[in-house]
Amino acid sequence: QVQLVESGGGLVQAGDSLRLSCAASGRSFDSYVMGWFRQAPGKVREFVAAITRAGYSSNYADSVKGRFTISRDNAKNTVYLQMNSLKPEDSAVYYCAADRLLSSTPHDYDYWGQGTQVTVSS
């Protein structure tokens, strides 16, 4: 199975920026759609962003559109989430996920990282 390890979270002030990284193991990274999700205490897990296999297309939740940017470097087996203009409501555990595209169900992700905490103070 694929191992995903997130990093880059931390405690920041509103308006600050953070760059999250997700390093993946294995040889098939460039065959996966990669996504970022987040979950705040007492809240359901929500979709944040996704990027296609070659990085030509990406999709964002309305709540982060214009502020967050997802990117990937297939040579480094890494996907990134650049988060700008952070708001307190962005505070959550952020999870990296990989979709092998073996199912026709949208956002049916197969592998998940352990998460990295992002806390934004006002």
C-alpha atoms as a PDB file:
ATOM      1  CA  GLN A   1       0.000   0.000   0.000  1.00  0.00           C
ATOM      2  CA  VAL A   2       0.953   3.616  -0.506  1.00  0.00           C
ATOM      3  CA  GLN A   3       2.173   5.644   2.439  1.00  0.00           C
ATOM      4  CA  LEU A   4       1.326   9.348   2.556  1.00  0.00           C
ATOM      5  CA  VAL A   5       3.011  11.676   5.031  1.00  0.00           C
ATOM      6  CA  GLU A   6       1.850  15.253   5.468  1.00  0.00           C
ATOM      7  CA  SER A   7       3.963  18.035   6.906  1.00  0.00           C
ATOM      8  CA  GLY A   8       4.010  21.807   7.178  1.00  0.00           C
ATOM      9  CA  GLY A   9       1.152  22.461   9.558  1.00  0.00           C
ATOM     10  CA  GLY A  10       1.402  24.756  12.516  1.00  0.00           C
ATOM     11  CA  LEU A  11      -0.027  27.671  14.449  1.00  0.00           C
ATOM     12  CA  VAL A  12      -0.335  30.925  12.517  1.00  0.00           C
ATOM     13  CA  GLN A  13      -2.184  34.208  12.683  1.00  0.00           C
ATOM     14  CA  ALA A  14      -5.114  35.116  10.487  1.00  0.00           C
ATOM     15  CA  GLY A  15      -3.868  36.452   7.177  1.00  0.00           C
ATOM     16  CA  ASP A  16      -0.700  34.375   7.261  1.00  0.00           C
ATOM     17  CA  SER A  17       0.329  31.675   4.813  1.00  0.00           C
ATOM     18  CA  LEU A  18       1.329  28.040   5.134  1.00  0.00           C
ATOM     19  CA  ARG A  19       2.574  25.491   2.643  1.00  0.00           C
ATOM     20  CA  LEU A  20       1.627  21.892   3.316  1.00  0.00           C
ATOM     21  CA  SER A  21       3.509  19.005   1.753  1.00  0.00           C
ATOM     22  CA  CYS A  22       2.533  15.392   1.261  1.00  0.00           C
ATOM     23  CA  ALA A  23       5.228  12.872   0.415  1.00  0.00           C
ATOM     24  CA  ALA A  24       4.136   9.579  -1.124  1.00  0.00           C
ATOM     25  CA  SER A  25       5.896   6.258  -1.268  1.00  0.00           C
ATOM     26  CA  GLY A  26       5.916   3.894  -4.212  1.00  0.00           C
ATOM     27  CA  ARG A  27       6.446   4.057  -7.948  1.00  0.00           C
ATOM     28  CA  SER A  28       2.954   4.969  -9.147  1.00  0.00           C
ATOM     29  CA  PHE A  29       2.516   8.481  -7.784  1.00  0.00           C
ATOM     30  CA  ASP A  30       1.949   9.961 -11.228  1.00  0.00           C
ATOM     31  CA  SER A  31      -0.977   7.577 -11.787  1.00  0.00           C
ATOM     32  CA  TYR A  32      -2.942   8.980  -8.837  1.00  0.00           C
ATOM     33  CA  VAL A  33      -5.275  11.902  -8.546  1.00  0.00           C
ATOM     34  CA  MET A  34      -4.194  13.627  -5.348  1.00  0.00           C
ATOM     35  CA  GLY A  35      -6.430  15.507  -2.983  1.00  0.00           C
ATOM     36  CA  TRP A  36      -6.443  17.480   0.227  1.00  0.00           C
ATOM     37  CA  PHE A  37      -9.195  17.217   2.821  1.00  0.00           C
ATOM     38  CA  ARG A  38      -9.650  18.774   6.218  1.00  0.00           C
ATOM     39  CA  GLN A  39     -11.573  18.034   9.373  1.00  0.00           C
ATOM     40  CA  ALA A  40     -12.209  20.366  12.280  1.00  0.00           C
ATOM     41  CA  PRO A  41     -13.270  19.128  15.728  1.00  0.00           C
ATOM     42  CA  GLY A  42     -16.941  18.184  15.720  1.00  0.00           C
ATOM     43  CA  LYS A  43     -17.179  18.672  11.953  1.00  0.00           C
ATOM     44  CA  VAL A  44     -17.340  16.278   9.039  1.00  0.00           C
ATOM     45  CA  ARG A  45     -14.359  15.788   6.798  1.00  0.00           C
ATOM     46  CA  GLU A  46     -14.568  18.143   3.848  1.00  0.00           C
ATOM     47  CA  PHE A  47     -12.943  18.315   0.468  1.00  0.00           C
ATOM     48  CA  VAL A  48     -10.393  21.076  -0.017  1.00  0.00           C
ATOM     49  CA  ALA A  49      -8.631  20.574  -3.337  1.00  0.00           C
ATOM     50  CA  ALA A  50      -7.626  17.969  -5.898  1.00  0.00           C
ATOM     51  CA  ILE A  51      -5.188  17.789  -8.774  1.00  0.00           C
ATOM     52  CA  THR A  52      -5.061  15.497 -11.782  1.00  0.00           C
ATOM     53  CA  ARG A  53      -2.292  13.038 -12.474  1.00  0.00           C
ATOM     54  CA  ALA A  54      -0.103  15.270 -14.611  1.00  0.00           C
ATOM     55  CA  GLY A  55      -1.087  18.417 -12.738  1.00  0.00           C
ATOM     56  CA  TYR A  56      -2.883  20.018 -15.666  1.00  0.00           C
ATOM     57  CA  SER A  57      -6.160  20.529 -13.851  1.00  0.00           C
ATOM     58  CA  SER A  58      -7.219  21.222 -10.290  1.00  0.00           C
ATOM     59  CA  ASN A  59     -10.421  21.695  -8.353  1.00  0.00           C
ATOM     60  CA  TYR A  60     -11.160  23.587  -5.139  1.00  0.00           C
ATOM     61  CA  ALA A  61     -13.852  23.882  -2.550  1.00  0.00           C
ATOM     62  CA  ASP A  62     -15.655  27.206  -2.749  1.00  0.00           C
ATOM     63  CA  SER A  63     -14.465  28.069   0.745  1.00  0.00           C
ATOM     64  CA  VAL A  64     -10.802  28.085  -0.308  1.00  0.00           C
ATOM     65  CA  LYS A  65     -11.033  29.132  -3.950  1.00  0.00           C
ATOM     66  CA  GLY A  66      -8.739  32.040  -4.673  1.00  0.00           C
ATOM     67  CA  ARG A  67      -6.733  31.518  -1.493  1.00  0.00           C
ATOM     68  CA  PHE A  68      -5.368  27.969  -1.749  1.00  0.00           C
ATOM     69  CA  THR A  69      -3.344  26.417  -4.551  1.00  0.00           C
ATOM     70  CA  ILE A  70      -2.694  22.712  -5.012  1.00  0.00           C
ATOM     71  CA  SER A  71       0.319  21.576  -6.992  1.00  0.00           C
ATOM     72  CA  ARG A  72       2.400  18.455  -7.466  1.00  0.00           C
ATOM     73  CA  ASP A  73       5.908  17.446  -8.371  1.00  0.00           C
ATOM     74  CA  ASN A  74       5.760  13.925  -9.731  1.00  0.00           C
ATOM     75  CA  ALA A  75       9.544  13.665  -9.867  1.00  0.00           C
ATOM     76  CA  LYS A  76       9.545  14.134  -6.091  1.00  0.00           C
ATOM     77  CA  ASN A  77       6.399  12.106  -5.338  1.00  0.00           C
ATOM     78  CA  THR A  78       5.029  15.142  -3.553  1.00  0.00           C
ATOM     79  CA  VAL A  79       1.829  17.155  -3.591  1.00  0.00           C
ATOM     80  CA  TYR A  80       1.567  20.609  -2.037  1.00  0.00           C
ATOM     81  CA  LEU A  81      -1.122  22.878  -0.713  1.00  0.00           C
ATOM     82  CA  GLN A  82      -0.210  26.547  -0.618  1.00  0.00           C
ATOM     83  CA  MET A  83      -2.585  28.298   1.768  1.00  0.00           C
ATOM     84  CA  ASN A  84      -2.714  32.081   1.706  1.00  0.00           C
ATOM     85  CA  SER A  85      -4.857  34.582   3.578  1.00  0.00           C
ATOM     86  CA  LEU A  86      -5.652  32.016   6.220  1.00  0.00           C
ATOM     87  CA  LYS A  87      -8.768  32.449   8.310  1.00  0.00           C
ATOM     88  CA  PRO A  88      -9.655  30.990  11.708  1.00  0.00           C
ATOM     89  CA  GLU A  89     -12.264  28.827   9.987  1.00  0.00           C
ATOM     90  CA  ASP A  90      -9.441  27.138   8.077  1.00  0.00           C
ATOM     91  CA  SER A  91      -8.269  25.558  11.328  1.00  0.00           C
ATOM     92  CA  ALA A  92      -8.434  21.789  10.973  1.00  0.00           C
ATOM     93  CA  VAL A  93      -6.419  18.652  10.554  1.00  0.00           C
ATOM     94  CA  TYR A  94      -5.445  18.531   6.895  1.00  0.00           C
ATOM     95  CA  TYR A  95      -5.218  15.149   5.193  1.00  0.00           C
ATOM     96  CA  CYS A  96      -3.544  14.165   1.970  1.00  0.00           C
ATOM     97  CA  ALA A  97      -5.229  11.445  -0.087  1.00  0.00           C
ATOM     98  CA  ALA A  98      -4.577   9.454  -3.256  1.00  0.00           C
ATOM     99  CA  ASP A  99      -7.145   8.133  -5.725  1.00  0.00           C
ATOM    100  CA  ARG A 100      -6.019   5.237  -7.908  1.00  0.00           C
ATOM    101  CA  LEU A 101      -8.996   5.831 -10.242  1.00  0.00           C
ATOM    102  CA  LEU A 102     -10.114   2.208  -9.994  1.00  0.00           C
ATOM    103  CA  SER A 103     -13.675   3.258  -9.143  1.00  0.00           C
ATOM    104  CA  SER A 104     -16.133   5.391 -11.070  1.00  0.00           C
ATOM    105  CA  THR A 105     -17.286   6.962  -7.807  1.00  0.00           C
ATOM    106  CA  PRO A 106     -16.051  10.545  -7.583  1.00  0.00           C
ATOM    107  CA  HIS A 107     -13.544  11.235  -4.806  1.00  0.00           C
ATOM    108  CA  ASP A 108     -13.233   7.553  -3.920  1.00  0.00           C
ATOM    109  CA  TYR A 109      -9.779   7.933  -2.418  1.00  0.00           C
ATOM    110  CA  ASP A 110      -7.782   4.819  -1.659  1.00  0.00           C
ATOM    111  CA  TYR A 111      -4.941   6.039   0.539  1.00  0.00           C
ATOM    112  CA  TRP A 112      -4.827   8.611   3.312  1.00  0.00           C
ATOM    113  CA  GLY A 113      -2.110  10.287   5.292  1.00  0.00           C
ATOM    114  CA  GLN A 114      -2.042  10.746   9.043  1.00  0.00           C
ATOM    115  CA  GLY A 115      -2.890  14.436   8.878  1.00  0.00           C
ATOM    116  CA  THR A 116      -1.178  17.653   9.882  1.00  0.00           C
ATOM    117  CA  GLN A 117      -2.701  20.221  12.219  1.00  0.00           C
ATOM    118  CA  VAL A 118      -3.319  23.749  11.010  1.00  0.00           C
ATOM    119  CA  THR A 119      -4.445  26.279  13.595  1.00  0.00           C
ATOM    120  CA  VAL A 120      -5.238  29.863  12.625  1.00  0.00           C
ATOM    121  CA  SER A 121      -5.703  32.374  15.416  1.00  0.00           C
ATOM    122  CA  SER A 122      -7.589  35.632  15.054  1.00  0.00           C
END
